[in-house]
Amino acid sequence: METAEIRSTIKDLITEIAEDMDTEASAITEDAHFTEDMGLDSMALLEVLATMEKKFSVSIPESEFPNLTSINKCAETVEKYMAQSN
């Protein structure tokens, strides 16, 4: 799977979750911080993580959670664990 496709998939996921939290669509960019810029809470972040793991068939260790702060950071992490599973 290409990096752009991973980012697009994660962005779609974030957009879907953000709609439930009344986050402005314009706030959802690849470098925007999930909590500071988009206003996502910890439950939303757990939903993002669980959905990413399922969608991309990866297992992301808990030690990575603090690094998952933006779409770009999530895409980098997903790519890292996809490469390790091959």
PDB file of N, CA and C in Angstrom:
ATOM      1  N   MET A   1       0.842  -1.174   0.000  1.00  0.00           N
ATOM      2  CA  MET A   1       0.000   0.000   0.000  1.00  0.00           C
ATOM      3  C   MET A   1       0.896   1.249   0.000  1.00  0.00           C
ATOM      4  N   GLU A   2       0.576   2.189  -0.827  1.00  0.00           N
ATOM      5  CA  GLU A   2       1.357   3.426  -0.958  1.00  0.00           C
ATOM      6  C   GLU A   2       1.130   4.363   0.235  1.00  0.00           C
ATOM      7  N   THR A   3       2.143   5.178   0.525  1.00  0.00           N
ATOM      8  CA  THR A   3       2.052   6.143   1.622  1.00  0.00           C
ATOM      9  C   THR A   3       0.852   7.067   1.457  1.00  0.00           C
ATOM     10  N   ALA A   4       0.635   7.579   0.255  1.00  0.00           N
ATOM     11  CA  ALA A   4      -0.488   8.494   0.006  1.00  0.00           C
ATOM     12  C   ALA A   4      -1.819   7.812   0.287  1.00  0.00           C
ATOM     13  N   GLU A   5      -1.915   6.541  -0.045  1.00  0.00           N
ATOM     14  CA  GLU A   5      -3.148   5.793   0.186  1.00  0.00           C
ATOM     15  C   GLU A   5      -3.381   5.580   1.683  1.00  0.00           C
ATOM     16  N   ILE A   6      -2.311   5.306   2.422  1.00  0.00           N
ATOM     17  CA  ILE A   6      -2.417   5.151   3.874  1.00  0.00           C
ATOM     18  C   ILE A   6      -2.875   6.465   4.495  1.00  0.00           C
ATOM     19  N   ARG A   7      -2.237   7.565   4.096  1.00  0.00           N
ATOM     20  CA  ARG A   7      -2.617   8.883   4.628  1.00  0.00           C
ATOM     21  C   ARG A   7      -4.085   9.206   4.317  1.00  0.00           C
ATOM     22  N   SER A   8      -4.496   8.931   3.096  1.00  0.00           N
ATOM     23  CA  SER A   8      -5.866   9.206   2.682  1.00  0.00           C
ATOM     24  C   SER A   8      -6.863   8.391   3.510  1.00  0.00           C
ATOM     25  N   THR A   9      -6.552   7.138   3.736  1.00  0.00           N
ATOM     26  CA  THR A   9      -7.422   6.268   4.524  1.00  0.00           C
ATOM     27  C   THR A   9      -7.530   6.778   5.956  1.00  0.00           C
ATOM     28  N   ILE A  10      -6.401   7.164   6.537  1.00  0.00           N
ATOM     29  CA  ILE A  10      -6.402   7.682   7.911  1.00  0.00           C
ATOM     30  C   ILE A  10      -7.156   9.013   7.970  1.00  0.00           C
ATOM     31  N   LYS A  11      -6.960   9.855   6.968  1.00  0.00           N
ATOM     32  CA  LYS A  11      -7.663  11.144   6.942  1.00  0.00           C
ATOM     33  C   LYS A  11      -9.174  10.919   6.869  1.00  0.00           C
ATOM     34  N   ASP A  12      -9.610   9.970   6.060  1.00  0.00           N
ATOM     35  CA  ASP A  12     -11.035   9.654   5.970  1.00  0.00           C
ATOM     36  C   ASP A  12     -11.570   9.187   7.326  1.00  0.00           C
ATOM     37  N   LEU A  13     -10.794   8.366   8.014  1.00  0.00           N
ATOM     38  CA  LEU A  13     -11.177   7.875   9.331  1.00  0.00           C
ATOM     39  C   LEU A  13     -11.290   9.033  10.325  1.00  0.00           C
ATOM     40  N   ILE A  14     -10.299   9.908  10.339  1.00  0.00           N
ATOM     41  CA  ILE A  14     -10.310  11.062  11.237  1.00  0.00           C
ATOM     42  C   ILE A  14     -11.500  11.972  10.915  1.00  0.00           C
ATOM     43  N   THR A  15     -11.767  12.184   9.641  1.00  0.00           N
ATOM     44  CA  THR A  15     -12.883  13.032   9.227  1.00  0.00           C
ATOM     45  C   THR A  15     -14.201  12.469   9.750  1.00  0.00           C
ATOM     46  N   GLU A  16     -14.357  11.171   9.641  1.00  0.00           N
ATOM     47  CA  GLU A  16     -15.575  10.514  10.111  1.00  0.00           C
ATOM     48  C   GLU A  16     -15.740  10.682  11.620  1.00  0.00           C
ATOM     49  N   ILE A  17     -14.679  10.474  12.367  1.00  0.00           N
ATOM     50  CA  ILE A  17     -14.726  10.611  13.825  1.00  0.00           C
ATOM     51  C   ILE A  17     -14.924  12.076  14.215  1.00  0.00           C
ATOM     52  N   ALA A  18     -14.238  12.969  13.531  1.00  0.00           N
ATOM     53  CA  ALA A  18     -14.313  14.397  13.852  1.00  0.00           C
ATOM     54  C   ALA A  18     -15.709  14.963  13.630  1.00  0.00           C
ATOM     55  N   GLU A  19     -16.437  14.422  12.672  1.00  0.00           N
ATOM     56  CA  GLU A  19     -17.807  14.881  12.423  1.00  0.00           C
ATOM     57  C   GLU A  19     -18.663  14.704  13.664  1.00  0.00           C
ATOM     58  N   ASP A  20     -18.456  13.605  14.381  1.00  0.00           N
ATOM     59  CA  ASP A  20     -19.213  13.338  15.604  1.00  0.00           C
ATOM     60  C   ASP A  20     -18.835  14.295  16.723  1.00  0.00           C
ATOM     61  N   MET A  21     -17.673  14.921  16.611  1.00  0.00           N
ATOM     62  CA  MET A  21     -17.188  15.824  17.655  1.00  0.00           C
ATOM     63  C   MET A  21     -17.303  17.291  17.239  1.00  0.00           C
ATOM     64  N   ASP A  22     -17.991  17.550  16.148  1.00  0.00           N
ATOM     65  CA  ASP A  22     -18.181  18.918  15.644  1.00  0.00           C
ATOM     66  C   ASP A  22     -16.864  19.625  15.330  1.00  0.00           C
ATOM     67  N   THR A  23     -15.897  18.886  14.844  1.00  0.00           N
ATOM     68  CA  THR A  23     -14.625  19.469  14.425  1.00  0.00           C
ATOM     69  C   THR A  23     -14.787  20.002  13.007  1.00  0.00           C
ATOM     70  N   GLU A  24     -14.297  21.195  12.765  1.00  0.00           N
ATOM     71  CA  GLU A  24     -14.362  21.787  11.430  1.00  0.00           C
ATOM     72  C   GLU A  24     -13.513  20.966  10.456  1.00  0.00           C
ATOM     73  N   ALA A  25     -14.043  20.715   9.275  1.00  0.00           N
ATOM     74  CA  ALA A  25     -13.323  19.958   8.254  1.00  0.00           C
ATOM     75  C   ALA A  25     -12.001  20.632   7.888  1.00  0.00           C
ATOM     76  N   SER A  26     -11.969  21.954   7.940  1.00  0.00           N
ATOM     77  CA  SER A  26     -10.744  22.685   7.587  1.00  0.00           C
ATOM     78  C   SER A  26      -9.617  22.445   8.592  1.00  0.00           C
ATOM     79  N   ALA A  27      -9.958  21.965   9.796  1.00  0.00           N
ATOM     80  CA  ALA A  27      -8.946  21.699  10.820  1.00  0.00           C
ATOM     81  C   ALA A  27      -8.239  20.363  10.584  1.00  0.00           C
ATOM     82  N   ILE A  28      -8.792  19.547   9.713  1.00  0.00           N
ATOM     83  CA  ILE A  28      -8.253  18.199   9.485  1.00  0.00           C
ATOM     84  C   ILE A  28      -7.241  18.238   8.351  1.00  0.00           C
ATOM     85  N   THR A  29      -5.987  18.390   8.731  1.00  0.00           N
ATOM     86  CA  THR A  29      -4.889  18.375   7.767  1.00  0.00           C
ATOM     87  C   THR A  29      -3.896  17.307   8.193  1.00  0.00           C
ATOM     88  N   GLU A  30      -2.982  16.966   7.305  1.00  0.00           N
ATOM     89  CA  GLU A  30      -2.051  15.880   7.597  1.00  0.00           C
ATOM     90  C   GLU A  30      -1.105  16.173   8.752  1.00  0.00           C
ATOM     91  N   ASP A  31      -0.814  17.456   9.009  1.00  0.00           N
ATOM     92  CA  ASP A  31       0.092  17.814  10.091  1.00  0.00           C
ATOM     93  C   ASP A  31      -0.611  18.331  11.346  1.00  0.00           C
ATOM     94  N   ALA A  32      -1.924  18.491  11.293  1.00  0.00           N
ATOM     95  CA  ALA A  32      -2.663  19.018  12.439  1.00  0.00           C
ATOM     96  C   ALA A  32      -2.609  18.029  13.606  1.00  0.00           C
ATOM     97  N   HIS A  33      -2.425  18.563  14.810  1.00  0.00           N
ATOM     98  CA  HIS A  33      -2.371  17.758  16.026  1.00  0.00           C
ATOM     99  C   HIS A  33      -3.791  17.321  16.383  1.00  0.00           C
ATOM    100  N   PHE A  34      -3.952  16.029  16.684  1.00  0.00           N
ATOM    101  CA  PHE A  34      -5.286  15.487  16.943  1.00  0.00           C
ATOM    102  C   PHE A  34      -6.006  16.197  18.085  1.00  0.00           C
ATOM    103  N   THR A  35      -5.321  16.411  19.203  1.00  0.00           N
ATOM    104  CA  THR A  35      -6.011  17.012  20.348  1.00  0.00           C
ATOM    105  C   THR A  35      -5.954  18.531  20.316  1.00  0.00           C
ATOM    106  N   GLU A  36      -4.801  19.086  20.025  1.00  0.00           N
ATOM    107  CA  GLU A  36      -4.635  20.538  20.075  1.00  0.00           C
ATOM    108  C   GLU A  36      -5.336  21.262  18.927  1.00  0.00           C
ATOM    109  N   ASP A  37      -5.236  20.726  17.711  1.00  0.00           N
ATOM    110  CA  ASP A  37      -5.801  21.402  16.542  1.00  0.00           C
ATOM    111  C   ASP A  37      -7.205  20.916  16.176  1.00  0.00           C
ATOM    112  N   MET A  38      -7.451  19.612  16.375  1.00  0.00           N
ATOM    113  CA  MET A  38      -8.742  19.044  15.976  1.00  0.00           C
ATOM    114  C   MET A  38      -9.705  18.849  17.134  1.00  0.00           C
ATOM    115  N   GLY A  39      -9.182  18.884  18.352  1.00  0.00           N
ATOM    116  CA  GLY A  39     -10.045  18.737  19.517  1.00  0.00           C
ATOM    117  C   GLY A  39     -10.527  17.322  19.786  1.00  0.00           C
ATOM    118  N   LEU A  40      -9.814  16.316  19.277  1.00  0.00           N
ATOM    119  CA  LEU A  40     -10.212  14.930  19.534  1.00  0.00           C
ATOM    120  C   LEU A  40      -9.875  14.570  20.975  1.00  0.00           C
ATOM    121  N   ASP A  41     -10.737  13.774  21.606  1.00  0.00           N
ATOM    122  CA  ASP A  41     -10.464  13.352  22.974  1.00  0.00           C
ATOM    123  C   ASP A  41      -9.843  11.956  22.990  1.00  0.00           C
ATOM    124  N   SER A  42      -9.531  11.468  24.185  1.00  0.00           N
ATOM    125  CA  SER A  42      -8.837  10.183  24.310  1.00  0.00           C
ATOM    126  C   SER A  42      -9.661   9.027  23.762  1.00  0.00           C
ATOM    127  N   MET A  43     -10.979   9.085  23.911  1.00  0.00           N
ATOM    128  CA  MET A  43     -11.823   8.015  23.369  1.00  0.00           C
ATOM    129  C   MET A  43     -11.778   8.006  21.841  1.00  0.00           C
ATOM    130  N   ALA A  44     -11.778   9.174  21.242  1.00  0.00           N
ATOM    131  CA  ALA A  44     -11.685   9.268  19.785  1.00  0.00           C
ATOM    132  C   ALA A  44     -10.341   8.726  19.314  1.00  0.00           C
ATOM    133  N   LEU A  45      -9.287   9.035  20.059  1.00  0.00           N
ATOM    134  CA  LEU A  45      -7.955   8.556  19.680  1.00  0.00           C
ATOM    135  C   LEU A  45      -7.867   7.039  19.776  1.00  0.00           C
ATOM    136  N   LEU A  46      -8.494   6.460  20.788  1.00  0.00           N
ATOM    137  CA  LEU A  46      -8.516   4.994  20.894  1.00  0.00           C
ATOM    138  C   LEU A  46      -9.274   4.376  19.730  1.00  0.00           C
ATOM    139  N   GLU A  47     -10.352   5.030  19.317  1.00  0.00           N
ATOM    140  CA  GLU A  47     -11.117   4.549  18.162  1.00  0.00           C
ATOM    141  C   GLU A  47     -10.260   4.608  16.899  1.00  0.00           C
ATOM    142  N   VAL A  48      -9.503   5.692  16.742  1.00  0.00           N
ATOM    143  CA  VAL A  48      -8.593   5.828  15.596  1.00  0.00           C
ATOM    144  C   VAL A  48      -7.587   4.678  15.604  1.00  0.00           C
ATOM    145  N   LEU A  49      -6.965   4.447  16.741  1.00  0.00           N
ATOM    146  CA  LEU A  49      -5.953   3.403  16.859  1.00  0.00           C
ATOM    147  C   LEU A  49      -6.527   2.025  16.536  1.00  0.00           C
ATOM    148  N   ALA A  50      -7.652   1.700  17.149  1.00  0.00           N
ATOM    149  CA  ALA A  50      -8.259   0.382  16.932  1.00  0.00           C
ATOM    150  C   ALA A  50      -8.646   0.187  15.468  1.00  0.00           C
ATOM    151  N   THR A  51      -9.190   1.221  14.865  1.00  0.00           N
ATOM    152  CA  THR A  51      -9.605   1.125  13.462  1.00  0.00           C
ATOM    153  C   THR A  51      -8.391   1.001  12.542  1.00  0.00           C
ATOM    154  N   MET A  52      -7.333   1.738  12.838  1.00  0.00           N
ATOM    155  CA  MET A  52      -6.112   1.637  12.021  1.00  0.00           C
ATOM    156  C   MET A  52      -5.532   0.231  12.099  1.00  0.00           C
ATOM    157  N   GLU A  53      -5.465  -0.324  13.302  1.00  0.00           N
ATOM    158  CA  GLU A  53      -4.914  -1.669  13.459  1.00  0.00           C
ATOM    159  C   GLU A  53      -5.715  -2.684  12.660  1.00  0.00           C
ATOM    160  N   LYS A  54      -7.026  -2.565  12.718  1.00  0.00           N
ATOM    161  CA  LYS A  54      -7.894  -3.490  11.996  1.00  0.00           C
ATOM    162  C   LYS A  54      -7.783  -3.288  10.479  1.00  0.00           C
ATOM    163  N   LYS A  55      -7.871  -2.040  10.049  1.00  0.00           N
ATOM    164  CA  LYS A  55      -7.874  -1.716   8.621  1.00  0.00           C
ATOM    165  C   LYS A  55      -6.566  -2.114   7.927  1.00  0.00           C
ATOM    166  N   PHE A  56      -5.443  -1.887   8.621  1.00  0.00           N
ATOM    167  CA  PHE A  56      -4.135  -2.142   8.013  1.00  0.00           C
ATOM    168  C   PHE A  56      -3.509  -3.457   8.468  1.00  0.00           C
ATOM    169  N   SER A  57      -4.234  -4.226   9.269  1.00  0.00           N
ATOM    170  CA  SER A  57      -3.758  -5.527   9.774  1.00  0.00           C
ATOM    171  C   SER A  57      -2.387  -5.415  10.441  1.00  0.00           C
ATOM    172  N   VAL A  58      -2.284  -4.462  11.354  1.00  0.00           N
ATOM    173  CA  VAL A  58      -1.046  -4.282  12.119  1.00  0.00           C
ATOM    174  C   VAL A  58      -1.389  -4.245  13.603  1.00  0.00           C
ATOM    175  N   SER A  59      -0.374  -4.512  14.416  1.00  0.00           N
ATOM    176  CA  SER A  59      -0.511  -4.381  15.852  1.00  0.00           C
ATOM    177  C   SER A  59       0.480  -3.313  16.292  1.00  0.00           C
ATOM    178  N   ILE A  60      -0.045  -2.228  16.814  1.00  0.00           N
ATOM    179  CA  ILE A  60       0.794  -1.101  17.220  1.00  0.00           C
ATOM    180  C   ILE A  60       0.957  -1.163  18.734  1.00  0.00           C
ATOM    181  N   PRO A  61       2.204  -1.281  19.209  1.00  0.00           N
ATOM    182  CA  PRO A  61       2.415  -1.384  20.654  1.00  0.00           C
ATOM    183  C   PRO A  61       2.028  -0.105  21.394  1.00  0.00           C
ATOM    184  N   GLU A  62       1.647  -0.284  22.634  1.00  0.00           N
ATOM    185  CA  GLU A  62       1.220   0.838  23.472  1.00  0.00           C
ATOM    186  C   GLU A  62       2.302   1.909  23.580  1.00  0.00           C
ATOM    187  N   SER A  63       3.551   1.511  23.485  1.00  0.00           N
ATOM    188  CA  SER A  63       4.664   2.475  23.589  1.00  0.00           C
ATOM    189  C   SER A  63       4.645   3.503  22.450  1.00  0.00           C
ATOM    190  N   GLU A  64       3.963   3.186  21.342  1.00  0.00           N
ATOM    191  CA  GLU A  64       3.866   4.098  20.196  1.00  0.00           C
ATOM    192  C   GLU A  64       2.750   5.126  20.348  1.00  0.00           C
ATOM    193  N   PHE A  65       1.799   4.878  21.245  1.00  0.00           N
ATOM    194  CA  PHE A  65       0.607   5.725  21.351  1.00  0.00           C
ATOM    195  C   PHE A  65       0.925   7.216  21.481  1.00  0.00           C
ATOM    196  N   PRO A  66       1.893   7.613  22.332  1.00  0.00           N
ATOM    197  CA  PRO A  66       2.175   9.052  22.465  1.00  0.00           C
ATOM    198  C   PRO A  66       2.658   9.702  21.162  1.00  0.00           C
ATOM    199  N   ASN A  67       3.173   8.903  20.231  1.00  0.00           N
ATOM    200  CA  ASN A  67       3.677   9.426  18.959  1.00  0.00           C
ATOM    201  C   ASN A  67       2.578   9.629  17.918  1.00  0.00           C
ATOM    202  N   LEU A  68       1.403   9.073  18.151  1.00  0.00           N
ATOM    203  CA  LEU A  68       0.319   9.125  17.179  1.00  0.00           C
ATOM    204  C   LEU A  68      -0.472  10.416  17.362  1.00  0.00           C
ATOM    205  N   THR A  69       0.113  11.520  16.905  1.00  0.00           N
ATOM    206  CA  THR A  69      -0.465  12.836  17.167  1.00  0.00           C
ATOM    207  C   THR A  69      -1.032  13.525  15.927  1.00  0.00           C
ATOM    208  N   SER A  70      -0.772  12.968  14.748  1.00  0.00           N
ATOM    209  CA  SER A  70      -1.257  13.577  13.508  1.00  0.00           C
ATOM    210  C   SER A  70      -1.450  12.489  12.458  1.00  0.00           C
ATOM    211  N   ILE A  71      -2.080  12.860  11.368  1.00  0.00           N
ATOM    212  CA  ILE A  71      -2.275  11.904  10.275  1.00  0.00           C
ATOM    213  C   ILE A  71      -0.919  11.432   9.749  1.00  0.00           C
ATOM    214  N   ASN A  72       0.024  12.354   9.571  1.00  0.00           N
ATOM    215  CA  ASN A  72       1.350  11.973   9.075  1.00  0.00           C
ATOM    216  C   ASN A  72       2.053  11.014  10.026  1.00  0.00           C
ATOM    217  N   LYS A  73       1.985  11.290  11.323  1.00  0.00           N
ATOM    218  CA  LYS A  73       2.635  10.414  12.315  1.00  0.00           C
ATOM    219  C   LYS A  73       1.983   9.035  12.318  1.00  0.00           C
ATOM    220  N   CYS A  74       0.669   8.986  12.195  1.00  0.00           N
ATOM    221  CA  CYS A  74      -0.027   7.705  12.133  1.00  0.00           C
ATOM    222  C   CYS A  74       0.387   6.921  10.892  1.00  0.00           C
ATOM    223  N   ALA A  75       0.466   7.598   9.762  1.00  0.00           N
ATOM    224  CA  ALA A  75       0.849   6.937   8.513  1.00  0.00           C
ATOM    225  C   ALA A  75       2.267   6.366   8.623  1.00  0.00           C
ATOM    226  N   GLU A  76       3.184   7.129   9.198  1.00  0.00           N
ATOM    227  CA  GLU A  76       4.559   6.653   9.383  1.00  0.00           C
ATOM    228  C   GLU A  76       4.580   5.405  10.260  1.00  0.00           C
ATOM    229  N   THR A  77       3.802   5.427  11.327  1.00  0.00           N
ATOM    230  CA  THR A  77       3.762   4.294  12.257  1.00  0.00           C
ATOM    231  C   THR A  77       3.139   3.071  11.596  1.00  0.00           C
ATOM    232  N   VAL A  78       2.049   3.260  10.875  1.00  0.00           N
ATOM    233  CA  VAL A  78       1.407   2.146  10.173  1.00  0.00           C
ATOM    234  C   VAL A  78       2.381   1.533   9.166  1.00  0.00           C
ATOM    235  N   GLU A  79       3.060   2.374   8.401  1.00  0.00           N
ATOM    236  CA  GLU A  79       4.030   1.867   7.421  1.00  0.00           C
ATOM    237  C   GLU A  79       5.129   1.055   8.097  1.00  0.00           C
ATOM    238  N   LYS A  80       5.611   1.549   9.210  1.00  0.00           N
ATOM    239  CA  LYS A  80       6.676   0.866   9.965  1.00  0.00           C
ATOM    240  C   LYS A  80       6.232  -0.544  10.359  1.00  0.00           C
ATOM    241  N   TYR A  81       5.028  -0.665  10.893  1.00  0.00           N
ATOM    242  CA  TYR A  81       4.550  -1.975  11.357  1.00  0.00           C
ATOM    243  C   TYR A  81       4.070  -2.856  10.215  1.00  0.00           C
ATOM    244  N   MET A  82       3.628  -2.269   9.134  1.00  0.00           N
ATOM    245  CA  MET A  82       3.289  -3.073   7.936  1.00  0.00           C
ATOM    246  C   MET A  82       4.562  -3.689   7.370  1.00  0.00           C
ATOM    247  N   ALA A  83       5.639  -2.928   7.344  1.00  0.00           N
ATOM    248  CA  ALA A  83       6.918  -3.432   6.820  1.00  0.00           C
ATOM    249  C   ALA A  83       7.451  -4.567   7.696  1.00  0.00           C
ATOM    250  N   GLN A  84       7.260  -4.444   8.985  1.00  0.00           N
ATOM    251  CA  GLN A  84       7.745  -5.478   9.909  1.00  0.00           C
ATOM    252  C   GLN A  84       6.948  -6.778   9.801  1.00  0.00           C
ATOM    253  N   SER A  85       5.693  -6.674   9.378  1.00  0.00           N
ATOM    254  CA  SER A  85       4.850  -7.867   9.287  1.00  0.00           C
ATOM    255  C   SER A  85       5.039  -8.625   7.979  1.00  0.00           C
ATOM    256  N   ASN A  86       5.770  -8.022   7.044  1.00  0.00           N
ATOM    257  CA  ASN A  86       5.984  -8.689   5.739  1.00  0.00           C
ATOM    258  C   ASN A  86       7.173  -9.592   5.762  1.00  0.00           C
TER     259      ASN A  86
END
